[in-house]
């Protein structure tokens, strides 16, 4: 965005995120910004959903930082042990934005695990919040195994003695926010993580890890920020082929400047990227970037001797009417092979259908609530 935001404009955006939302008519108030920005804030996603795409996700975080960082610090103020301060989160308010029966469990999770609420967490179309509303009711239900094996055929039982009752939000392979993680890219502000990590036992009674990236109304996966970095040098060249970068990893600023391990891990797992030799330029500048990084996280977990998992997998779950992501997903499947067993895509509708089949009263109540809120 070319024009700076005033403090009033920041507050307008925050007010929008907290504005009443009618899940039936999908009414979202118009953006207050009417100056030289020149961008339309609300764009249709699929047939019904709308996306607060102009200022959510990393954009709204940058707004907070550009205005002295006070907004960012206020929402994410940590306690002395580097845990987000649960007292800052109004639990009565949570009952309005999170499926009410799971609010106590979510409060317990936040108390015992590092979890950084996105600034747009209160917005009706917050993907982070939707992810909690989708997975917590399933993962905490006695029939979780029956639901998830419908999505993942090798799933036998949730490994409840690992992570937090068998799962973790925003998993990056470490329990400390001061560690850089398996990819060497993590900090308290940025880094690769999976929205949900699920531990389970497969048909051979092997402990497995299932990493899941959740998308609601997003138009694209996260793109590469290294290729546009102002700190790039003449030695960095994104136009070089996949094979060239493997031979000289310093061609990528991720490697030479950021010291991230992306290309090291990629080189160690070329059988995963089976069609890499076909790419005459780096394929990870656009939406495939996030898919690549999350796959690298799964591959790293599987090979890390400190991790207890025999196998690790990566999936994307998206709203059934969000077709904007399909192009990046198709391109990524071409790179890794359409039948790659380490990667798959499913929808929130698939989970809803799997839960509905069981005819469980408590699940049916959640299904009715979720379908109304998110138009599934």
Protein backbone atom coordinates (compact mmCIF):
# COMPACT_ATOMS: atom_id res chain seq x y z
CA UNK A 1 0.00 0.00 0.00
CA UNK A 2 1.53 3.27 -1.10
CA UNK A 3 -0.10 5.67 1.32
CA UNK A 4 0.56 5.64 5.11
CA UNK A 5 -2.28 5.03 7.54
CA UNK A 6 -3.27 7.49 10.20
CA UNK A 7 -4.10 6.42 13.73
CA UNK A 8 -7.77 7.06 13.00
CA UNK A 9 -7.65 4.77 9.99
CA UNK A 10 -6.06 2.03 12.10
CA UNK A 11 -8.90 2.33 14.60
CA UNK A 12 -11.44 2.20 11.77
CA UNK A 13 -9.98 -1.10 10.64
CA UNK A 14 -10.03 -2.51 14.17
CA UNK A 15 -13.67 -1.40 14.51
CA UNK A 16 -14.43 -3.22 11.27
CA UNK A 17 -12.91 -6.40 12.60
CA UNK A 18 -15.18 -6.22 15.63
CA UNK A 19 -18.28 -5.20 13.67
CA UNK A 20 -21.43 -7.34 13.81
CA UNK A 21 -21.52 -9.96 11.09
CA UNK A 22 -24.58 -11.72 9.74
CA UNK A 23 -23.49 -15.23 8.68
CA UNK A 24 -26.69 -15.73 6.71
CA UNK A 25 -26.52 -12.66 4.45
CA UNK A 26 -22.72 -12.36 4.61
CA UNK A 27 -23.02 -8.64 5.20
CA UNK A 28 -19.67 -7.05 5.89
CA UNK A 29 -19.43 -3.26 6.28
CA UNK A 30 -17.56 -1.31 3.61
CA UNK A 31 -14.02 -0.28 4.24
CA UNK A 32 -13.80 3.32 5.54
CA UNK A 33 -10.79 4.10 3.40
CA UNK A 34 -11.81 6.26 0.45
CA UNK A 35 -8.63 8.13 -0.41
CA UNK A 36 -5.84 7.40 -2.86
CA UNK A 37 -5.36 3.78 -1.78
CA UNK A 38 -7.31 2.69 -4.84
CA UNK A 39 -7.89 -0.86 -3.69
CA UNK A 40 -11.15 -2.67 -3.03
CA UNK A 41 -11.04 -4.14 0.45
CA UNK A 42 -13.78 -6.71 0.09
CA UNK A 43 -13.60 -9.20 -2.74
CA UNK A 44 -15.88 -12.19 -3.33
CA UNK A 45 -14.40 -15.57 -2.51
CA UNK A 46 -16.21 -18.49 -4.12
CA UNK A 47 -19.93 -17.74 -4.32
CA UNK A 48 -20.72 -16.38 -0.90
CA UNK A 49 -17.74 -15.73 1.32
CA UNK A 50 -16.10 -12.34 1.51
CA UNK A 51 -12.50 -11.69 2.32
CA UNK A 52 -11.11 -8.82 4.36
CA UNK A 53 -8.10 -9.30 2.14
CA UNK A 54 -6.72 -5.78 2.01
CA UNK A 55 -5.70 -5.38 5.62
CA UNK A 56 -5.88 -8.79 7.33
CA UNK A 57 -3.13 -11.36 7.85
CA UNK A 58 0.35 -9.82 7.72
CA UNK A 59 -1.09 -6.54 6.45
CA UNK A 60 -2.92 -5.68 9.66
CA UNK A 61 0.18 -6.61 11.66
CA UNK A 62 2.25 -4.21 9.59
CA UNK A 63 -0.31 -1.47 10.26
CA UNK A 64 0.25 -1.96 13.99
CA UNK A 65 4.02 -1.81 13.60
CA UNK A 66 3.95 1.25 11.33
CA UNK A 67 2.03 3.10 14.04
CA UNK A 68 4.71 2.72 16.65
CA UNK A 69 4.02 -0.92 17.38
CA UNK A 70 1.69 -0.03 20.25
CA UNK A 71 -1.27 -1.90 18.76
CA UNK A 72 0.77 -5.06 18.17
CA UNK A 73 2.26 -4.97 21.65
CA UNK A 74 -1.09 -4.36 23.30
CA UNK A 75 -2.72 -7.41 21.74
CA UNK A 76 0.28 -9.72 22.13
CA UNK A 77 1.78 -8.53 25.40
CA UNK A 78 3.61 -11.54 26.88
CA UNK A 79 3.92 -12.54 30.50
CA UNK A 80 7.31 -12.91 32.17
CA UNK A 81 7.71 -16.50 30.90
CA UNK A 82 7.11 -15.39 27.31
CA UNK A 83 3.58 -16.79 27.22
CA UNK A 84 0.78 -14.60 25.81
CA UNK A 85 -1.04 -13.04 28.72
CA UNK A 86 -4.40 -14.87 29.10
CA UNK A 87 -5.73 -12.02 31.22
CA UNK A 88 -5.72 -9.87 28.07
CA UNK A 89 -8.22 -12.25 26.48
CA UNK A 90 -11.80 -11.66 27.59
CA UNK A 91 -13.27 -15.12 28.09
CA UNK A 92 -16.83 -13.85 28.05
CA UNK A 93 -16.10 -12.29 24.68
CA UNK A 94 -14.62 -15.59 23.51
CA UNK A 95 -18.03 -17.18 23.95
CA UNK A 96 -19.30 -14.92 21.18
CA UNK A 97 -16.56 -15.74 18.68
CA UNK A 98 -15.56 -19.31 19.60
CA UNK A 99 -17.86 -22.33 19.75
CA UNK A 100 -19.08 -21.94 23.38
CA UNK A 101 -18.56 -25.54 24.60
CA UNK A 102 -14.84 -25.42 23.73
CA UNK A 103 -14.08 -22.05 25.37
CA UNK A 104 -12.88 -23.66 28.66
CA UNK A 105 -10.65 -26.08 26.75
CA UNK A 106 -9.24 -23.29 24.64
CA UNK A 107 -8.57 -21.27 27.81
CA UNK A 108 -6.69 -24.24 29.25
CA UNK A 109 -4.72 -24.60 26.04
CA UNK A 110 -3.68 -20.94 26.03
CA UNK A 111 -2.68 -21.18 29.68
CA UNK A 112 -0.34 -24.11 29.10
CA UNK A 113 0.91 -23.53 25.56
CA UNK A 114 2.42 -20.66 23.65
CA UNK A 115 -0.26 -19.30 21.33
CA UNK A 116 -0.13 -15.90 19.68
CA UNK A 117 -3.55 -14.59 18.74
CA UNK A 118 -3.51 -12.74 15.44
CA UNK A 119 -4.57 -9.13 15.71
CA UNK A 120 -7.56 -9.87 13.47
CA UNK A 121 -8.62 -12.80 15.72
CA UNK A 122 -11.94 -11.09 16.52
CA UNK A 123 -12.83 -10.55 12.88
CA UNK A 124 -15.63 -12.89 11.69
CA UNK A 125 -13.45 -14.21 8.87
CA UNK A 126 -10.30 -14.77 10.90
CA UNK A 127 -8.77 -17.97 9.55
CA UNK A 128 -6.97 -18.57 12.85
CA UNK A 129 -10.23 -18.44 14.78
CA UNK A 130 -12.04 -20.58 12.20
CA UNK A 131 -9.30 -23.18 12.52
CA UNK A 132 -9.94 -23.45 16.27
CA UNK A 133 -13.69 -23.68 15.71
CA UNK A 134 -13.13 -26.44 13.16
CA UNK A 135 -10.63 -28.68 14.94
CA UNK A 136 -11.10 -28.26 18.71
CA UNK A 137 -14.63 -29.77 18.78
CA UNK A 138 -13.38 -32.78 16.78
CA UNK A 139 -10.05 -33.36 18.50
CA UNK A 140 -11.60 -33.20 21.97
CA UNK A 141 -14.53 -35.46 21.10
CA UNK A 142 -14.55 -39.14 22.17
CA UNK A 143 -15.14 -40.21 18.55
CA UNK A 144 -12.28 -38.23 17.06
CA UNK A 145 -10.74 -41.39 15.59
CA UNK A 146 -13.89 -42.23 13.62
CA UNK A 147 -13.94 -38.74 12.11
CA UNK A 148 -10.30 -38.33 11.17
CA UNK A 149 -9.88 -41.77 9.62
CA UNK A 150 -12.47 -40.66 7.05
CA UNK A 151 -10.03 -37.94 5.99
CA UNK A 152 -6.77 -39.82 6.46
CA UNK A 153 -7.05 -43.55 5.74
CA UNK A 154 -3.94 -44.54 7.76
CA UNK A 155 -5.28 -42.79 10.88
CA UNK A 156 -6.11 -45.29 13.62
CA UNK A 157 -6.05 -43.41 16.91
CA UNK A 158 -5.15 -39.99 18.29
CA UNK A 159 -1.88 -40.11 20.26
CA UNK A 160 -3.23 -38.19 23.24
CA UNK A 161 -0.04 -38.62 25.25
CA UNK A 162 1.88 -36.37 22.85
CA UNK A 163 1.77 -32.58 22.46
CA UNK A 164 -1.42 -31.20 24.05
CA UNK A 165 -3.90 -34.09 24.19
CA UNK A 166 -2.63 -35.21 20.79
CA UNK A 167 -2.45 -31.88 18.97
CA UNK A 168 -0.88 -28.45 18.91
CA UNK A 169 -1.71 -25.12 17.31
CA UNK A 170 0.98 -23.28 15.32
CA UNK A 171 3.52 -26.10 15.38
CA UNK A 172 7.10 -25.34 14.27
CA UNK A 173 8.97 -28.20 15.92
CA UNK A 174 9.99 -26.44 19.11
CA UNK A 175 8.46 -25.46 22.43
CA UNK A 176 10.56 -22.32 22.85
CA UNK A 177 9.82 -19.09 20.99
CA UNK A 178 13.51 -18.27 21.31
CA UNK A 179 14.53 -21.21 19.10
CA UNK A 180 14.67 -20.86 15.32
CA UNK A 181 13.03 -24.20 14.70
CA UNK A 182 13.85 -26.97 12.26
CA UNK A 183 13.90 -24.62 9.27
CA UNK A 184 15.99 -21.95 11.00
CA UNK A 185 13.41 -19.28 10.19
CA UNK A 186 11.39 -18.88 13.37
CA UNK A 187 11.14 -15.86 15.64
CA UNK A 188 8.41 -14.48 17.92
CA UNK A 189 7.12 -12.52 14.91
CA UNK A 190 7.72 -14.55 11.75
CA UNK A 191 8.47 -18.11 10.67
CA UNK A 192 7.03 -21.26 9.18
CA UNK A 193 4.52 -23.16 11.26
CA UNK A 194 1.51 -25.43 10.73
CA UNK A 195 -1.85 -24.14 11.91
CA UNK A 196 -2.63 -27.52 13.47
CA UNK A 197 -0.40 -30.49 14.22
CA UNK A 198 -2.03 -33.82 15.07
CA UNK A 199 -0.21 -36.85 16.48
CA UNK A 200 -1.65 -40.28 15.76
CA UNK A 201 -0.90 -43.98 15.44
CA UNK A 202 -1.21 -45.57 12.01
CA UNK A 203 -2.13 -49.09 10.93
CA UNK A 204 1.35 -50.32 11.89
CA UNK A 205 1.10 -48.70 15.33
CA UNK A 206 3.75 -46.15 14.31
CA UNK A 207 3.64 -42.65 15.78
CA UNK A 208 2.94 -40.11 13.05
CA UNK A 209 2.61 -36.34 12.79
CA UNK A 210 0.02 -34.66 10.58
CA UNK A 211 0.62 -30.96 9.84
CA UNK A 212 -2.35 -28.98 8.53
CA UNK A 213 -2.54 -25.49 7.01
CA UNK A 214 -6.02 -23.98 7.30
CA UNK A 215 -7.42 -21.51 4.78
CA UNK A 216 -10.80 -19.81 4.96
CA UNK A 217 -11.18 -16.90 2.52
CA UNK A 218 -7.55 -16.26 1.61
CA UNK A 219 -6.97 -15.66 -2.09
CA UNK A 220 -3.46 -17.09 -2.04
CA UNK A 221 -0.90 -18.86 0.09
CA UNK A 222 1.95 -16.83 1.57
CA UNK A 223 4.44 -15.68 -1.06
CA UNK A 224 8.23 -15.35 -1.03
CA UNK A 225 9.53 -12.25 0.76
CA UNK A 226 13.19 -12.93 -0.05
CA UNK A 227 12.86 -12.28 -3.77
CA UNK A 228 11.72 -8.70 -3.08
CA UNK A 229 14.07 -7.97 -0.19
CA UNK A 230 15.92 -4.65 -0.34
CA UNK A 231 18.93 -6.47 1.07
CA UNK A 232 19.39 -8.73 -1.94
CA UNK A 233 22.72 -8.47 -3.73
CA UNK A 234 23.77 -9.02 -7.32
CA UNK A 235 24.66 -12.58 -6.36
CA UNK A 236 21.00 -13.39 -5.67
CA UNK A 237 19.10 -14.43 -8.78
CA UNK A 238 15.55 -15.79 -8.60
CA UNK A 239 15.44 -16.30 -12.36
CA UNK A 240 17.84 -19.24 -12.17
CA UNK A 241 16.56 -22.79 -12.47
CA UNK A 242 15.66 -25.08 -9.60
CA UNK A 243 18.72 -27.19 -10.39
CA UNK A 244 21.00 -24.12 -10.53
CA UNK A 245 19.90 -23.01 -7.08
CA UNK A 246 20.53 -26.48 -5.68
CA UNK A 247 24.10 -26.28 -7.01
CA UNK A 248 24.60 -22.76 -5.68
CA UNK A 249 22.15 -22.14 -2.86
CA UNK A 250 23.48 -18.61 -2.35
CA UNK A 251 21.54 -17.60 -5.46
CA UNK A 252 18.57 -17.43 -3.07
CA UNK A 253 18.50 -14.69 -0.45
CA UNK A 254 16.73 -17.07 1.94
CA UNK A 255 20.01 -18.99 2.04
CA UNK A 256 22.70 -16.34 1.62
CA UNK A 257 21.11 -13.54 3.61
CA UNK A 258 18.59 -15.07 5.99
CA UNK A 259 20.53 -18.28 6.60
CA UNK A 260 17.33 -20.29 6.40
CA UNK A 261 17.66 -24.05 5.78
CA UNK A 262 15.05 -24.30 3.02
CA UNK A 263 17.37 -25.25 0.17
CA UNK A 264 19.52 -27.52 2.34
CA UNK A 265 16.43 -29.54 3.26
CA UNK A 266 15.16 -29.44 -0.30
CA UNK A 267 18.45 -30.86 -1.56
CA UNK A 268 18.23 -33.67 0.96
CA UNK A 269 14.74 -34.61 -0.22
CA UNK A 270 14.85 -34.40 -4.01
CA UNK A 271 12.80 -37.58 -4.31
CA UNK A 272 9.91 -35.59 -2.81
CA UNK A 273 10.26 -32.83 -5.42
CA UNK A 274 10.20 -35.36 -8.23
CA UNK A 275 9.73 -32.94 -11.14
CA UNK A 276 12.27 -30.31 -10.00
CA UNK A 277 14.41 -30.58 -13.15
CA UNK A 278 11.59 -29.16 -15.27
CA UNK A 279 11.69 -25.74 -13.60
CA UNK A 280 13.86 -23.20 -15.41
CA UNK A 281 13.16 -20.53 -12.79
CA UNK A 282 12.58 -20.72 -9.06
CA UNK A 283 8.96 -21.90 -8.64
CA UNK A 284 8.58 -20.60 -5.08
CA UNK A 285 8.10 -16.86 -5.59
CA UNK A 286 4.29 -17.03 -5.51
CA UNK A 287 1.76 -19.15 -3.60
CA UNK A 288 3.74 -22.38 -3.86
CA UNK A 289 6.16 -20.83 -1.38
CA UNK A 290 4.07 -21.60 1.69
CA UNK A 291 3.28 -25.11 0.47
CA UNK A 292 6.99 -25.69 -0.03
CA UNK A 293 7.95 -24.43 3.43
CA UNK A 294 5.28 -26.44 5.23
CA UNK A 295 6.33 -29.55 3.35
CA UNK A 296 9.93 -28.90 4.39
CA UNK A 297 8.76 -28.69 7.99
CA UNK A 298 7.13 -32.12 7.72
CA UNK A 299 10.19 -33.60 6.02
CA UNK A 300 12.46 -32.14 8.71
CA UNK A 301 10.35 -33.53 11.53
CA UNK A 302 10.50 -36.99 9.99
CA UNK A 303 14.30 -36.97 9.78
CA UNK A 304 15.04 -35.23 13.08
CA UNK A 305 16.28 -37.79 15.59
CA UNK A 306 15.02 -35.62 18.45
CA UNK A 307 11.45 -35.94 17.17
CA UNK A 308 9.57 -39.13 18.10
CA UNK A 309 7.63 -39.42 14.83
CA UNK A 310 8.17 -42.22 12.33
CA UNK A 311 6.27 -40.45 9.56
CA UNK A 312 5.12 -36.86 8.97
CA UNK A 313 2.58 -35.54 6.49
CA UNK A 314 1.32 -32.16 5.31
CA UNK A 315 -2.24 -31.25 4.29
CA UNK A 316 -4.23 -28.17 3.37
CA UNK A 317 -7.80 -27.78 4.58
CA UNK A 318 -9.85 -25.05 2.95
CA UNK A 319 -13.42 -23.82 2.70
CA UNK A 320 -15.22 -25.86 -0.02
CA UNK A 321 -16.14 -22.72 -1.95
CA UNK A 322 -12.67 -21.19 -1.91
CA UNK A 323 -11.39 -21.93 -5.40
CA UNK A 324 -8.73 -19.21 -5.44
CA UNK A 325 -6.15 -21.57 -3.95
CA UNK A 326 -6.67 -24.32 -6.50
CA UNK A 327 -4.17 -22.96 -9.01
CA UNK A 328 -1.25 -22.95 -6.55
CA UNK A 329 -2.26 -26.38 -5.27
CA UNK A 330 -2.35 -27.83 -8.79
CA UNK A 331 1.05 -26.36 -9.63
CA UNK A 332 2.52 -27.75 -6.43
CA UNK A 333 1.16 -31.21 -7.16
CA UNK A 334 2.87 -31.05 -10.55
CA UNK A 335 6.16 -30.44 -8.76
CA UNK A 336 5.85 -33.20 -6.15
CA UNK A 337 3.69 -35.66 -8.11
CA UNK A 338 -0.10 -35.78 -8.14
CA UNK A 339 -0.15 -38.97 -6.09
CA UNK A 340 2.45 -37.95 -3.53
CA UNK A 341 1.38 -39.73 -0.30
CA UNK A 342 2.95 -37.01 1.86
CA UNK A 343 0.56 -34.27 0.70
CA UNK A 344 -3.19 -33.96 0.30
CA UNK A 345 -6.00 -31.41 0.31
CA UNK A 346 -9.44 -31.64 1.89
CA UNK A 347 -12.19 -29.20 2.85
CA UNK A 348 -13.95 -28.21 6.04
CA UNK A 349 -17.02 -29.71 4.37
CA UNK A 350 -15.30 -33.10 4.34
CA UNK A 351 -14.79 -32.90 8.11
CA UNK A 352 -18.38 -31.77 8.61
CA UNK A 353 -19.68 -34.70 6.58
CA UNK A 354 -17.49 -37.18 8.47
CA UNK A 355 -18.81 -35.88 11.79
CA UNK A 356 -22.42 -35.87 10.60
CA UNK A 357 -22.26 -39.56 9.63
CA UNK A 358 -21.80 -40.54 13.26
CA UNK A 359 -25.22 -39.23 14.33
CA UNK A 360 -23.81 -37.94 17.61
CA UNK A 361 -25.94 -35.31 19.34
CA UNK A 362 -23.07 -33.11 20.55
CA UNK A 363 -21.34 -33.26 17.16
CA UNK A 364 -24.58 -32.42 15.38
CA UNK A 365 -24.95 -29.30 17.53
CA UNK A 366 -21.46 -28.21 16.59
CA UNK A 367 -22.06 -29.00 12.90
CA UNK A 368 -25.19 -26.85 12.88
CA UNK A 369 -23.34 -23.96 14.55
CA UNK A 370 -20.29 -24.21 12.28
CA UNK A 371 -22.31 -24.46 9.06
CA UNK A 372 -24.30 -21.38 9.99
CA UNK A 373 -21.26 -19.28 10.85
CA UNK A 374 -19.05 -20.32 7.95
CA UNK A 375 -21.59 -21.18 5.25
CA UNK A 376 -20.40 -24.72 4.72
